[in-house]
C-alpha cells in the first residue's frame, strides 16, 4: 500500500469542495489510490509522469492528479477539482 502526501495547494483545493464531497474523497477515492495508484489514467505531453484519477459526484466530473514514487511507496497529490478547466489550472500549477 502507498502513503498519500500532498503539496500545500491541495489543502486549498479540498477546502473549496462541499463537506460531503471532502468526506467521500477521504473515505473512498484516496483509499482507492493508496491501494492501486496505477489504476488511474497516465497523462502525457506536458503532464508526463502524472496520473489522473476520475470520479463523479452529484453529476459533476472530478479529477485527482498525482505523481507516484514507487521506490518510496508514496503518492504525491498535485491537484483535486472539478473537470471543467482542470487541466488549464494544472498547467499553471506545475510550471
Protein backbone atom coordinates (compact mmCIF):
# COMPACT_ATOMS: atom_id res chain seq x y z
CA UNK A 1 0.00 0.00 0.00
CA UNK A 2 1.18 3.51 -0.80
CA UNK A 3 1.23 6.53 1.52
CA UNK A 4 -0.64 9.66 0.38
CA UNK A 5 1.10 13.03 0.68
CA UNK A 6 0.20 16.32 -0.95
CA UNK A 7 1.59 19.67 -1.95
CA UNK A 8 0.24 22.57 0.11
CA UNK A 9 -2.09 23.78 -2.67
CA UNK A 10 -4.11 20.55 -2.44
CA UNK A 11 -5.37 21.58 1.01
CA UNK A 12 -6.86 24.70 -0.60
CA UNK A 13 -8.36 22.56 -3.39
CA UNK A 14 -10.08 20.33 -0.84
CA UNK A 15 -11.25 23.25 1.31
CA UNK A 16 -13.17 24.68 -1.69
CA UNK A 17 -15.24 21.48 -2.04
CA UNK A 18 -18.55 20.55 -0.44
CA UNK A 19 -18.09 18.91 3.00
CA UNK A 20 -19.75 15.66 1.92
CA UNK A 21 -17.52 15.51 -1.15
CA UNK A 22 -14.46 16.06 1.05
CA UNK A 23 -15.55 13.10 3.16
CA UNK A 24 -16.14 10.93 0.08
CA UNK A 25 -12.70 11.77 -1.28
CA UNK A 26 -11.05 10.87 2.04
CA UNK A 27 -13.03 7.70 2.72
CA UNK A 28 -13.27 6.27 -0.78
CA UNK A 29 -11.14 7.80 -3.52
CA UNK A 30 -7.89 8.34 -1.64
CA UNK A 31 -8.14 4.77 -0.30
CA UNK A 32 -8.54 3.50 -3.88
CA UNK A 33 -5.44 5.45 -4.91
CA UNK A 34 -3.43 4.17 -1.92
CA UNK A 35 -4.27 0.58 -2.86
CA UNK A 36 -3.86 0.82 -6.64
CA UNK A 37 -2.24 4.08 -7.77
CA UNK A 38 -1.56 2.76 -11.28
CA UNK A 39 -5.24 2.01 -11.95
CA UNK A 40 -5.72 5.67 -12.95
CA UNK A 41 -5.05 7.17 -16.37
CA UNK A 42 -1.44 8.07 -17.17
CA UNK A 43 -1.07 11.58 -18.55
CA UNK A 44 1.24 12.59 -21.38
CA UNK A 45 2.80 15.58 -23.17
CA UNK A 46 3.35 18.36 -20.61
CA UNK A 47 1.91 16.17 -17.85
CA UNK A 48 4.07 13.10 -18.47
CA UNK A 49 4.72 11.17 -15.27
CA UNK A 50 1.42 12.23 -13.67
CA UNK A 51 -1.69 10.10 -13.16
CA UNK A 52 -5.32 11.23 -13.33
CA UNK A 53 -7.96 9.51 -11.19
CA UNK A 54 -11.53 10.25 -12.38
CA UNK A 55 -14.80 10.12 -10.43
CA UNK A 56 -18.28 11.65 -10.48
CA UNK A 57 -20.10 13.34 -7.63
CA UNK A 58 -23.61 14.79 -7.92
CA UNK A 59 -23.42 14.83 -11.71
CA UNK A 60 -20.05 16.61 -11.86
CA UNK A 61 -16.83 15.00 -13.04
CA UNK A 62 -13.79 15.41 -10.76
CA UNK A 63 -10.09 14.71 -11.14
CA UNK A 64 -7.32 13.88 -8.70
CA UNK A 65 -3.88 14.24 -10.28
CA UNK A 66 -0.82 12.83 -8.60
CA UNK A 67 2.71 11.57 -9.07
CA UNK A 68 3.82 8.13 -7.90
CA UNK A 69 7.18 7.47 -6.25
CA UNK A 70 7.28 3.68 -6.43
CA UNK A 71 10.61 3.22 -4.67
CA UNK A 72 9.32 5.11 -1.60
CA UNK A 73 5.69 3.89 -1.91
CA UNK A 74 4.44 7.49 -1.94
CA UNK A 75 1.63 9.09 -3.93
CA UNK A 76 2.07 12.87 -4.08
CA UNK A 77 -1.22 14.66 -4.74
CA UNK A 78 -0.81 17.62 -7.09
CA UNK A 79 -4.37 18.83 -7.64
CA UNK A 80 -8.01 17.95 -6.90
CA UNK A 81 -11.02 19.59 -8.51
CA UNK A 82 -13.89 19.54 -10.99
CA UNK A 83 -13.06 18.58 -14.59
CA UNK A 84 -14.07 21.92 -16.09
CA UNK A 85 -10.92 24.00 -16.57
CA UNK A 86 -8.92 21.47 -14.56
CA UNK A 87 -6.08 20.81 -16.97
CA UNK A 88 -5.52 24.52 -17.68
CA UNK A 89 -5.24 25.14 -13.93
CA UNK A 90 -2.96 22.10 -13.59
CA UNK A 91 -0.67 23.50 -16.27
CA UNK A 92 -0.32 26.71 -14.23
CA UNK A 93 0.30 24.79 -11.04
CA UNK A 94 3.14 22.61 -12.31
CA UNK A 95 5.11 25.34 -14.10
